[in-house]
Amino acid sequence: MSVKQIFGQNIHQYRKEKKWSQERLAEMLDISIKHLSTIETGKVFASAELIEKIAQALDVSVSALFYTAQEKSFDSSDFSKIEKIIEEEAQNAIVAIKNRIHKR
């Protein structure tokens, strides 16, 4: 499945969850219903500006519009792993900065 199709399906899904018609979302986005329809079916892709508007209108993150249903969602163990990686990277950055300062 292409990125355009995943993106379009997610818009469709989030719009349906809100029980909104294509007409309603298209009006909110200031685009035609036909344009929204071609985005939802994956025939065309939205501009970066429109992607931001869509995410705001649907009250989801931009990244949520690009995930497939098969992709794993985060759980608490994933967040622990992320925190550990961030701590390690922060320590590495501190050491690198100190090394650069001492070389001057």
PDB file of N, CA and C in Angstrom:
ATOM      1  N   MET A   1       0.848  -1.174   0.000  1.00  0.00           N
ATOM      2  CA  MET A   1       0.000   0.000   0.000  1.00  0.00           C
ATOM      3  C   MET A   1       0.900   1.246   0.000  1.00  0.00           C
ATOM      4  N   SER A   2       0.549   2.233  -0.779  1.00  0.00           N
ATOM      5  CA  SER A   2       1.370   3.436  -0.893  1.00  0.00           C
ATOM      6  C   SER A   2       1.115   4.388   0.275  1.00  0.00           C
ATOM      7  N   VAL A   3       2.013   5.313   0.464  1.00  0.00           N
ATOM      8  CA  VAL A   3       1.871   6.329   1.515  1.00  0.00           C
ATOM      9  C   VAL A   3       0.606   7.142   1.274  1.00  0.00           C
ATOM     10  N   LYS A   4       0.327   7.457   0.010  1.00  0.00           N
ATOM     11  CA  LYS A   4      -0.885   8.220  -0.309  1.00  0.00           C
ATOM     12  C   LYS A   4      -2.134   7.459   0.126  1.00  0.00           C
ATOM     13  N   GLN A   5      -2.138   6.156  -0.082  1.00  0.00           N
ATOM     14  CA  GLN A   5      -3.296   5.346   0.292  1.00  0.00           C
ATOM     15  C   GLN A   5      -3.443   5.242   1.806  1.00  0.00           C
ATOM     16  N   ILE A   6      -2.333   5.033   2.501  1.00  0.00           N
ATOM     17  CA  ILE A   6      -2.364   4.965   3.963  1.00  0.00           C
ATOM     18  C   ILE A   6      -2.876   6.292   4.522  1.00  0.00           C
ATOM     19  N   PHE A   7      -2.319   7.374   4.020  1.00  0.00           N
ATOM     20  CA  PHE A   7      -2.709   8.716   4.447  1.00  0.00           C
ATOM     21  C   PHE A   7      -4.211   8.935   4.219  1.00  0.00           C
ATOM     22  N   GLY A   8      -4.671   8.601   3.028  1.00  0.00           N
ATOM     23  CA  GLY A   8      -6.084   8.781   2.699  1.00  0.00           C
ATOM     24  C   GLY A   8      -7.008   7.933   3.556  1.00  0.00           C
ATOM     25  N   GLN A   9      -6.630   6.688   3.767  1.00  0.00           N
ATOM     26  CA  GLN A   9      -7.453   5.804   4.602  1.00  0.00           C
ATOM     27  C   GLN A   9      -7.539   6.320   6.036  1.00  0.00           C
ATOM     28  N   ASN A  10      -6.440   6.851   6.544  1.00  0.00           N
ATOM     29  CA  ASN A  10      -6.449   7.378   7.907  1.00  0.00           C
ATOM     30  C   ASN A  10      -7.344   8.605   8.017  1.00  0.00           C
ATOM     31  N   ILE A  11      -7.293   9.480   7.028  1.00  0.00           N
ATOM     32  CA  ILE A  11      -8.185  10.639   7.046  1.00  0.00           C
ATOM     33  C   ILE A  11      -9.633  10.157   7.055  1.00  0.00           C
ATOM     34  N   HIS A  12      -9.934   9.226   6.170  1.00  0.00           N
ATOM     35  CA  HIS A  12     -11.283   8.668   6.087  1.00  0.00           C
ATOM     36  C   HIS A  12     -11.714   8.086   7.434  1.00  0.00           C
ATOM     37  N   GLN A  13     -10.834   7.314   8.049  1.00  0.00           N
ATOM     38  CA  GLN A  13     -11.150   6.673   9.332  1.00  0.00           C
ATOM     39  C   GLN A  13     -11.412   7.705  10.425  1.00  0.00           C
ATOM     40  N   TYR A  14     -10.510   8.687  10.561  1.00  0.00           N
ATOM     41  CA  TYR A  14     -10.692   9.700  11.600  1.00  0.00           C
ATOM     42  C   TYR A  14     -11.937  10.549  11.343  1.00  0.00           C
ATOM     43  N   ARG A  15     -12.210  10.829  10.079  1.00  0.00           N
ATOM     44  CA  ARG A  15     -13.408  11.608   9.740  1.00  0.00           C
ATOM     45  C   ARG A  15     -14.660  10.819  10.109  1.00  0.00           C
ATOM     46  N   LYS A  16     -14.696   9.541   9.795  1.00  0.00           N
ATOM     47  CA  LYS A  16     -15.847   8.690  10.123  1.00  0.00           C
ATOM     48  C   LYS A  16     -16.031   8.555  11.637  1.00  0.00           C
ATOM     49  N   GLU A  17     -14.908   8.471  12.379  1.00  0.00           N
ATOM     50  CA  GLU A  17     -14.996   8.379  13.835  1.00  0.00           C
ATOM     51  C   GLU A  17     -15.692   9.611  14.421  1.00  0.00           C
ATOM     52  N   LYS A  18     -15.508  10.746  13.773  1.00  0.00           N
ATOM     53  CA  LYS A  18     -16.147  11.980  14.219  1.00  0.00           C
ATOM     54  C   LYS A  18     -17.555  12.125  13.647  1.00  0.00           C
ATOM     55  N   LYS A  19     -17.938  11.156  12.799  1.00  0.00           N
ATOM     56  CA  LYS A  19     -19.242  11.173  12.140  1.00  0.00           C
ATOM     57  C   LYS A  19     -19.425  12.423  11.280  1.00  0.00           C
ATOM     58  N   TRP A  20     -18.339  12.803  10.620  1.00  0.00           N
ATOM     59  CA  TRP A  20     -18.356  13.957   9.729  1.00  0.00           C
ATOM     60  C   TRP A  20     -18.492  13.489   8.291  1.00  0.00           C
ATOM     61  N   SER A  21     -19.201  14.265   7.511  1.00  0.00           N
ATOM     62  CA  SER A  21     -19.280  14.012   6.076  1.00  0.00           C
ATOM     63  C   SER A  21     -18.037  14.585   5.411  1.00  0.00           C
ATOM     64  N   GLN A  22     -17.808  14.163   4.172  1.00  0.00           N
ATOM     65  CA  GLN A  22     -16.717  14.763   3.411  1.00  0.00           C
ATOM     66  C   GLN A  22     -16.969  16.256   3.230  1.00  0.00           C
ATOM     67  N   GLU A  23     -18.218  16.604   3.038  1.00  0.00           N
ATOM     68  CA  GLU A  23     -18.570  18.009   2.856  1.00  0.00           C
ATOM     69  C   GLU A  23     -18.149  18.842   4.064  1.00  0.00           C
ATOM     70  N   ARG A  24     -18.430  18.342   5.250  1.00  0.00           N
ATOM     71  CA  ARG A  24     -18.086  19.098   6.466  1.00  0.00           C
ATOM     72  C   ARG A  24     -16.575  19.300   6.584  1.00  0.00           C
ATOM     73  N   LEU A  25     -15.799  18.206   6.416  1.00  0.00           N
ATOM     74  CA  LEU A  25     -14.347  18.327   6.535  1.00  0.00           C
ATOM     75  C   LEU A  25     -13.786  19.205   5.423  1.00  0.00           C
ATOM     76  N   ALA A  26     -14.288  19.047   4.221  1.00  0.00           N
ATOM     77  CA  ALA A  26     -13.814  19.864   3.101  1.00  0.00           C
ATOM     78  C   ALA A  26     -14.044  21.353   3.378  1.00  0.00           C
ATOM     79  N   GLU A  27     -15.196  21.687   3.942  1.00  0.00           N
ATOM     80  CA  GLU A  27     -15.478  23.082   4.289  1.00  0.00           C
ATOM     81  C   GLU A  27     -14.498  23.587   5.344  1.00  0.00           C
ATOM     82  N   MET A  28     -14.219  22.764   6.336  1.00  0.00           N
ATOM     83  CA  MET A  28     -13.276  23.152   7.389  1.00  0.00           C
ATOM     84  C   MET A  28     -11.878  23.398   6.816  1.00  0.00           C
ATOM     85  N   LEU A  29     -11.531  22.627   5.793  1.00  0.00           N
ATOM     86  CA  LEU A  29     -10.199  22.715   5.198  1.00  0.00           C
ATOM     87  C   LEU A  29     -10.138  23.733   4.058  1.00  0.00           C
ATOM     88  N   ASP A  30     -11.296  24.244   3.681  1.00  0.00           N
ATOM     89  CA  ASP A  30     -11.403  25.198   2.574  1.00  0.00           C
ATOM     90  C   ASP A  30     -10.903  24.579   1.267  1.00  0.00           C
ATOM     91  N   ILE A  31     -11.348  23.334   1.024  1.00  0.00           N
ATOM     92  CA  ILE A  31     -11.057  22.644  -0.234  1.00  0.00           C
ATOM     93  C   ILE A  31     -12.361  22.064  -0.768  1.00  0.00           C
ATOM     94  N   SER A  32     -12.344  21.609  -2.010  1.00  0.00           N
ATOM     95  CA  SER A  32     -13.554  21.018  -2.587  1.00  0.00           C
ATOM     96  C   SER A  32     -13.745  19.586  -2.069  1.00  0.00           C
ATOM     97  N   ILE A  33     -14.970  19.130  -2.129  1.00  0.00           N
ATOM     98  CA  ILE A  33     -15.280  17.756  -1.736  1.00  0.00           C
ATOM     99  C   ILE A  33     -14.533  16.792  -2.663  1.00  0.00           C
ATOM    100  N   LYS A  34     -14.463  17.137  -3.939  1.00  0.00           N
ATOM    101  CA  LYS A  34     -13.765  16.283  -4.898  1.00  0.00           C
ATOM    102  C   LYS A  34     -12.288  16.155  -4.531  1.00  0.00           C
ATOM    103  N   HIS A  35     -11.664  17.258  -4.141  1.00  0.00           N
ATOM    104  CA  HIS A  35     -10.248  17.213  -3.745  1.00  0.00           C
ATOM    105  C   HIS A  35     -10.070  16.301  -2.529  1.00  0.00           C
ATOM    106  N   LEU A  36     -10.943  16.467  -1.527  1.00  0.00           N
ATOM    107  CA  LEU A  36     -10.874  15.615  -0.337  1.00  0.00           C
ATOM    108  C   LEU A  36     -11.064  14.154  -0.722  1.00  0.00           C
ATOM    109  N   SER A  37     -11.998  13.894  -1.604  1.00  0.00           N
ATOM    110  CA  SER A  37     -12.260  12.526  -2.036  1.00  0.00           C
ATOM    111  C   SER A  37     -11.036  11.909  -2.709  1.00  0.00           C
ATOM    112  N   THR A  38     -10.361  12.682  -3.553  1.00  0.00           N
ATOM    113  CA  THR A  38      -9.176  12.138  -4.230  1.00  0.00           C
ATOM    114  C   THR A  38      -8.023  11.914  -3.248  1.00  0.00           C
ATOM    115  N   ILE A  39      -7.979  12.702  -2.177  1.00  0.00           N
ATOM    116  CA  ILE A  39      -6.966  12.480  -1.135  1.00  0.00           C
ATOM    117  C   ILE A  39      -7.309  11.213  -0.354  1.00  0.00           C
ATOM    118  N   GLU A  40      -8.572  11.077   0.043  1.00  0.00           N
ATOM    119  CA  GLU A  40      -8.995   9.909   0.826  1.00  0.00           C
ATOM    120  C   GLU A  40      -8.830   8.603   0.057  1.00  0.00           C
ATOM    121  N   THR A  41      -8.960   8.649  -1.253  1.00  0.00           N
ATOM    122  CA  THR A  41      -8.811   7.422  -2.048  1.00  0.00           C
ATOM    123  C   THR A  41      -7.365   7.166  -2.448  1.00  0.00           C
ATOM    124  N   GLY A  42      -6.459   8.078  -2.084  1.00  0.00           N
ATOM    125  CA  GLY A  42      -5.046   7.878  -2.367  1.00  0.00           C
ATOM    126  C   GLY A  42      -4.644   8.209  -3.786  1.00  0.00           C
ATOM    127  N   LYS A  43      -5.503   8.919  -4.505  1.00  0.00           N
ATOM    128  CA  LYS A  43      -5.178   9.284  -5.890  1.00  0.00           C
ATOM    129  C   LYS A  43      -4.224  10.463  -5.951  1.00  0.00           C
ATOM    130  N   VAL A  44      -4.332  11.374  -4.993  1.00  0.00           N
ATOM    131  CA  VAL A  44      -3.434  12.525  -4.919  1.00  0.00           C
ATOM    132  C   VAL A  44      -2.967  12.671  -3.481  1.00  0.00           C
ATOM    133  N   PHE A  45      -1.921  13.470  -3.318  1.00  0.00           N
ATOM    134  CA  PHE A  45      -1.384  13.708  -1.981  1.00  0.00           C
ATOM    135  C   PHE A  45      -1.593  15.171  -1.621  1.00  0.00           C
ATOM    136  N   ALA A  46      -1.675  15.444  -0.355  1.00  0.00           N
ATOM    137  CA  ALA A  46      -1.903  16.798   0.132  1.00  0.00           C
ATOM    138  C   ALA A  46      -0.586  17.547   0.300  1.00  0.00           C
ATOM    139  N   SER A  47      -0.660  18.856   0.228  1.00  0.00           N
ATOM    140  CA  SER A  47       0.519  19.683   0.494  1.00  0.00           C
ATOM    141  C   SER A  47       0.821  19.640   1.991  1.00  0.00           C
ATOM    142  N   ALA A  48       2.017  20.058   2.353  1.00  0.00           N
ATOM    143  CA  ALA A  48       2.390  20.093   3.771  1.00  0.00           C
ATOM    144  C   ALA A  48       1.435  20.973   4.557  1.00  0.00           C
ATOM    145  N   GLU A  49       1.063  22.107   3.981  1.00  0.00           N
ATOM    146  CA  GLU A  49       0.130  23.025   4.648  1.00  0.00           C
ATOM    147  C   GLU A  49      -1.223  22.357   4.875  1.00  0.00           C
ATOM    148  N   LEU A  50      -1.712  21.636   3.875  1.00  0.00           N
ATOM    149  CA  LEU A  50      -3.003  20.959   4.005  1.00  0.00           C
ATOM    150  C   LEU A  50      -2.919  19.807   4.999  1.00  0.00           C
ATOM    151  N   ILE A  51      -1.794  19.115   5.035  1.00  0.00           N
ATOM    152  CA  ILE A  51      -1.620  18.030   6.006  1.00  0.00           C
ATOM    153  C   ILE A  51      -1.767  18.584   7.426  1.00  0.00           C
ATOM    154  N   GLU A  52      -1.146  19.718   7.680  1.00  0.00           N
ATOM    155  CA  GLU A  52      -1.264  20.345   9.001  1.00  0.00           C
ATOM    156  C   GLU A  52      -2.707  20.718   9.305  1.00  0.00           C
ATOM    157  N   LYS A  53      -3.404  21.276   8.333  1.00  0.00           N
ATOM    158  CA  LYS A  53      -4.812  21.658   8.524  1.00  0.00           C
ATOM    159  C   LYS A  53      -5.679  20.436   8.819  1.00  0.00           C
ATOM    160  N   ILE A  54      -5.422  19.344   8.095  1.00  0.00           N
ATOM    161  CA  ILE A  54      -6.189  18.111   8.288  1.00  0.00           C
ATOM    162  C   ILE A  54      -5.982  17.586   9.705  1.00  0.00           C
ATOM    163  N   ALA A  55      -4.724  17.522  10.136  1.00  0.00           N
ATOM    164  CA  ALA A  55      -4.421  17.022  11.483  1.00  0.00           C
ATOM    165  C   ALA A  55      -5.097  17.888  12.537  1.00  0.00           C
ATOM    166  N   GLN A  56      -5.050  19.202  12.368  1.00  0.00           N
ATOM    167  CA  GLN A  56      -5.700  20.107  13.328  1.00  0.00           C
ATOM    168  C   GLN A  56      -7.209  19.910  13.333  1.00  0.00           C
ATOM    169  N   ALA A  57      -7.803  19.831  12.163  1.00  0.00           N
ATOM    170  CA  ALA A  57      -9.250  19.667  12.072  1.00  0.00           C
ATOM    171  C   ALA A  57      -9.707  18.358  12.710  1.00  0.00           C
ATOM    172  N   LEU A  58      -8.948  17.293  12.483  1.00  0.00           N
ATOM    173  CA  LEU A  58      -9.314  15.980  13.025  1.00  0.00           C
ATOM    174  C   LEU A  58      -8.817  15.773  14.450  1.00  0.00           C
ATOM    175  N   ASP A  59      -8.041  16.735  14.946  1.00  0.00           N
ATOM    176  CA  ASP A  59      -7.485  16.687  16.298  1.00  0.00           C
ATOM    177  C   ASP A  59      -6.625  15.448  16.513  1.00  0.00           C
ATOM    178  N   VAL A  60      -5.714  15.223  15.555  1.00  0.00           N
ATOM    179  CA  VAL A  60      -4.746  14.125  15.651  1.00  0.00           C
ATOM    180  C   VAL A  60      -3.374  14.684  15.310  1.00  0.00           C
ATOM    181  N   SER A  61      -2.341  13.945  15.661  1.00  0.00           N
ATOM    182  CA  SER A  61      -0.994  14.370  15.286  1.00  0.00           C
ATOM    183  C   SER A  61      -0.795  14.120  13.792  1.00  0.00           C
ATOM    184  N   VAL A  62       0.098  14.873  13.209  1.00  0.00           N
ATOM    185  CA  VAL A  62       0.420  14.667  11.795  1.00  0.00           C
ATOM    186  C   VAL A  62       0.905  13.239  11.583  1.00  0.00           C
ATOM    187  N   SER A  63       1.738  12.750  12.486  1.00  0.00           N
ATOM    188  CA  SER A  63       2.278  11.398  12.321  1.00  0.00           C
ATOM    189  C   SER A  63       1.186  10.332  12.349  1.00  0.00           C
ATOM    190  N   ALA A  64       0.112  10.571  13.085  1.00  0.00           N
ATOM    191  CA  ALA A  64      -0.980   9.592  13.153  1.00  0.00           C
ATOM    192  C   ALA A  64      -1.617   9.363  11.789  1.00  0.00           C
ATOM    193  N   LEU A  65      -1.496  10.325  10.912  1.00  0.00           N
ATOM    194  CA  LEU A  65      -2.084  10.192   9.579  1.00  0.00           C
ATOM    195  C   LEU A  65      -1.281   9.264   8.675  1.00  0.00           C
ATOM    196  N   PHE A  66      -0.093   8.849   9.124  1.00  0.00           N
ATOM    197  CA  PHE A  66       0.782   8.031   8.286  1.00  0.00           C
ATOM    198  C   PHE A  66       0.982   6.612   8.804  1.00  0.00           C
ATOM    199  N   TYR A  67       0.375   6.247   9.913  1.00  0.00           N
ATOM    200  CA  TYR A  67       0.530   4.900  10.459  1.00  0.00           C
ATOM    201  C   TYR A  67      -0.531   3.964   9.922  1.00  0.00           C
ATOM    202  N   THR A  68      -0.143   2.706   9.723  1.00  0.00           N
ATOM    203  CA  THR A  68      -1.111   1.691   9.312  1.00  0.00           C
ATOM    204  C   THR A  68      -1.630   0.971  10.551  1.00  0.00           C
ATOM    205  N   ALA A  69      -2.739   0.318  10.404  1.00  0.00           N
ATOM    206  CA  ALA A  69      -3.341  -0.420  11.520  1.00  0.00           C
ATOM    207  C   ALA A  69      -2.432  -1.547  11.995  1.00  0.00           C
ATOM    208  N   GLN A  70      -1.606  -2.081  11.093  1.00  0.00           N
ATOM    209  CA  GLN A  70      -0.729  -3.192  11.450  1.00  0.00           C
ATOM    210  C   GLN A  70       0.484  -2.751  12.251  1.00  0.00           C
ATOM    211  N   GLU A  71       0.793  -1.474  12.214  1.00  0.00           N
ATOM    212  CA  GLU A  71       1.976  -1.007  12.935  1.00  0.00           C
ATOM    213  C   GLU A  71       1.710  -0.994  14.434  1.00  0.00           C
ATOM    214  N   LYS A  72       2.731  -1.341  15.160  1.00  0.00           N
ATOM    215  CA  LYS A  72       2.636  -1.472  16.608  1.00  0.00           C
ATOM    216  C   LYS A  72       2.419  -0.118  17.262  1.00  0.00           C
ATOM    217  N   SER A  73       1.516  -0.092  18.214  1.00  0.00           N
ATOM    218  CA  SER A  73       1.348   1.132  18.994  1.00  0.00           C
ATOM    219  C   SER A  73       2.292   1.071  20.195  1.00  0.00           C
ATOM    220  N   PHE A  74       2.597   2.215  20.758  1.00  0.00           N
ATOM    221  CA  PHE A  74       3.508   2.270  21.892  1.00  0.00           C
ATOM    222  C   PHE A  74       2.822   1.799  23.158  1.00  0.00           C
ATOM    223  N   ASP A  75       3.573   1.097  23.999  1.00  0.00           N
ATOM    224  CA  ASP A  75       3.088   0.752  25.331  1.00  0.00           C
ATOM    225  C   ASP A  75       4.132   1.237  26.342  1.00  0.00           C
ATOM    226  N   SER A  76       3.908   0.979  27.626  1.00  0.00           N
ATOM    227  CA  SER A  76       4.788   1.521  28.665  1.00  0.00           C
ATOM    228  C   SER A  76       6.223   1.012  28.527  1.00  0.00           C
ATOM    229  N   SER A  77       6.405  -0.230  28.072  1.00  0.00           N
ATOM    230  CA  SER A  77       7.774  -0.736  27.918  1.00  0.00           C
ATOM    231  C   SER A  77       8.504   0.006  26.792  1.00  0.00           C
ATOM    232  N   ASP A  78       7.776   0.395  25.757  1.00  0.00           N
ATOM    233  CA  ASP A  78       8.389   1.164  24.678  1.00  0.00           C
ATOM    234  C   ASP A  78       8.840   2.531  25.193  1.00  0.00           C
ATOM    235  N   PHE A  79       8.017   3.160  26.023  1.00  0.00           N
ATOM    236  CA  PHE A  79       8.385   4.468  26.560  1.00  0.00           C
ATOM    237  C   PHE A  79       9.610   4.363  27.464  1.00  0.00           C
ATOM    238  N   SER A  80       9.736   3.270  28.220  1.00  0.00           N
ATOM    239  CA  SER A  80      10.923   3.058  29.052  1.00  0.00           C
ATOM    240  C   SER A  80      12.164   2.940  28.184  1.00  0.00           C
ATOM    241  N   LYS A  81      12.042   2.220  27.073  1.00  0.00           N
ATOM    242  CA  LYS A  81      13.165   2.080  26.150  1.00  0.00           C
ATOM    243  C   LYS A  81      13.542   3.432  25.547  1.00  0.00           C
ATOM    244  N   ILE A  82      12.537   4.202  25.199  1.00  0.00           N
ATOM    245  CA  ILE A  82      12.783   5.528  24.631  1.00  0.00           C
ATOM    246  C   ILE A  82      13.499   6.412  25.640  1.00  0.00           C
ATOM    247  N   GLU A  83      13.035   6.395  26.897  1.00  0.00           N
ATOM    248  CA  GLU A  83      13.675   7.202  27.945  1.00  0.00           C
ATOM    249  C   GLU A  83      15.136   6.798  28.118  1.00  0.00           C
ATOM    250  N   LYS A  84      15.425   5.497  28.089  1.00  0.00           N
ATOM    251  CA  LYS A  84      16.800   5.022  28.246  1.00  0.00           C
ATOM    252  C   LYS A  84      17.665   5.503  27.085  1.00  0.00           C
ATOM    253  N   ILE A  85      17.145   5.417  25.870  1.00  0.00           N
ATOM    254  CA  ILE A  85      17.897   5.880  24.700  1.00  0.00           C
ATOM    255  C   ILE A  85      18.169   7.373  24.800  1.00  0.00           C
ATOM    256  N   ILE A  86      17.175   8.137  25.212  1.00  0.00           N
ATOM    257  CA  ILE A  86      17.350   9.591  25.357  1.00  0.00           C
ATOM    258  C   ILE A  86      18.424   9.894  26.394  1.00  0.00           C
ATOM    259  N   GLU A  87      18.400   9.192  27.522  1.00  0.00           N
ATOM    260  CA  GLU A  87      19.416   9.395  28.559  1.00  0.00           C
ATOM    261  C   GLU A  87      20.810   9.071  28.030  1.00  0.00           C
ATOM    262  N   GLU A  88      20.945   7.956  27.313  1.00  0.00           N
ATOM    263  CA  GLU A  88      22.242   7.570  26.753  1.00  0.00           C
ATOM    264  C   GLU A  88      22.732   8.608  25.747  1.00  0.00           C
ATOM    265  N   GLU A  89      21.842   9.062  24.880  1.00  0.00           N
ATOM    266  CA  GLU A  89      22.218  10.044  23.869  1.00  0.00           C
ATOM    267  C   GLU A  89      22.581  11.379  24.512  1.00  0.00           C
ATOM    268  N   ALA A  90      21.876  11.747  25.583  1.00  0.00           N
ATOM    269  CA  ALA A  90      22.188  12.988  26.288  1.00  0.00           C
ATOM    270  C   ALA A  90      23.582  12.901  26.911  1.00  0.00           C
ATOM    271  N   GLN A  91      23.892  11.773  27.526  1.00  0.00           N
ATOM    272  CA  GLN A  91      25.219  11.577  28.113  1.00  0.00           C
ATOM    273  C   GLN A  91      26.303  11.626  27.042  1.00  0.00           C
ATOM    274  N   ASN A  92      26.048  10.973  25.918  1.00  0.00           N
ATOM    275  CA  ASN A  92      27.014  11.003  24.812  1.00  0.00           C
ATOM    276  C   ASN A  92      27.220  12.425  24.311  1.00  0.00           C
ATOM    277  N   ALA A  93      26.156  13.199  24.228  1.00  0.00           N
ATOM    278  CA  ALA A  93      26.254  14.584  23.770  1.00  0.00           C
ATOM    279  C   ALA A  93      27.058  15.425  24.753  1.00  0.00           C
ATOM    280  N   ILE A  94      26.835  15.218  26.047  1.00  0.00           N
ATOM    281  CA  ILE A  94      27.580  15.966  27.070  1.00  0.00           C
ATOM    282  C   ILE A  94      29.068  15.663  26.968  1.00  0.00           C
ATOM    283  N   VAL A  95      29.416  14.395  26.838  1.00  0.00           N
ATOM    284  CA  VAL A  95      30.829  14.001  26.710  1.00  0.00           C
ATOM    285  C   VAL A  95      31.432  14.625  25.449  1.00  0.00           C
ATOM    286  N   ALA A  96      30.705  14.578  24.341  1.00  0.00           N
ATOM    287  CA  ALA A  96      31.212  15.141  23.083  1.00  0.00           C
ATOM    288  C   ALA A  96      31.427  16.649  23.206  1.00  0.00           C
ATOM    289  N   ILE A  97      30.518  17.333  23.871  1.00  0.00           N
ATOM    290  CA  ILE A  97      30.652  18.787  24.055  1.00  0.00           C
ATOM    291  C   ILE A  97      31.862  19.113  24.932  1.00  0.00           C
ATOM    292  N   LYS A  98      32.014  18.358  26.022  1.00  0.00           N
ATOM    293  CA  LYS A  98      33.174  18.582  26.900  1.00  0.00           C
ATOM    294  C   LYS A  98      34.465  18.344  26.141  1.00  0.00           C
ATOM    295  N   ASN A  99      34.523  17.290  25.334  1.00  0.00           N
ATOM    296  CA  ASN A  99      35.720  17.000  24.542  1.00  0.00           C
ATOM    297  C   ASN A  99      36.015  18.120  23.571  1.00  0.00           C
ATOM    298  N   ARG A 100      35.014  18.661  22.951  1.00  0.00           N
ATOM    299  CA  ARG A 100      35.228  19.763  22.001  1.00  0.00           C
ATOM    300  C   ARG A 100      35.708  21.004  22.707  1.00  0.00           C
ATOM    301  N   ILE A 101      35.186  21.268  23.900  1.00  0.00           N
ATOM    302  CA  ILE A 101      35.600  22.451  24.660  1.00  0.00           C
ATOM    303  C   ILE A 101      37.071  22.324  25.073  1.00  0.00           C
ATOM    304  N   HIS A 102      37.448  21.143  25.536  1.00  0.00           N
ATOM    305  CA  HIS A 102      38.827  20.922  26.003  1.00  0.00           C
ATOM    306  C   HIS A 102      39.837  20.957  24.863  1.00  0.00           C
ATOM    307  N   LYS A 103      39.414  20.691  23.626  1.00  0.00           N
ATOM    308  CA  LYS A 103      40.312  20.725  22.478  1.00  0.00           C
ATOM    309  C   LYS A 103      40.620  22.144  22.021  1.00  0.00           C
ATOM    310  N   ARG A 104      39.851  23.102  22.470  1.00  0.00           N
ATOM    311  CA  ARG A 104      40.045  24.487  22.006  1.00  0.00           C
ATOM    312  C   ARG A 104      41.133  25.162  22.754  1.00  0.00           C
TER     313      ARG A 104
END
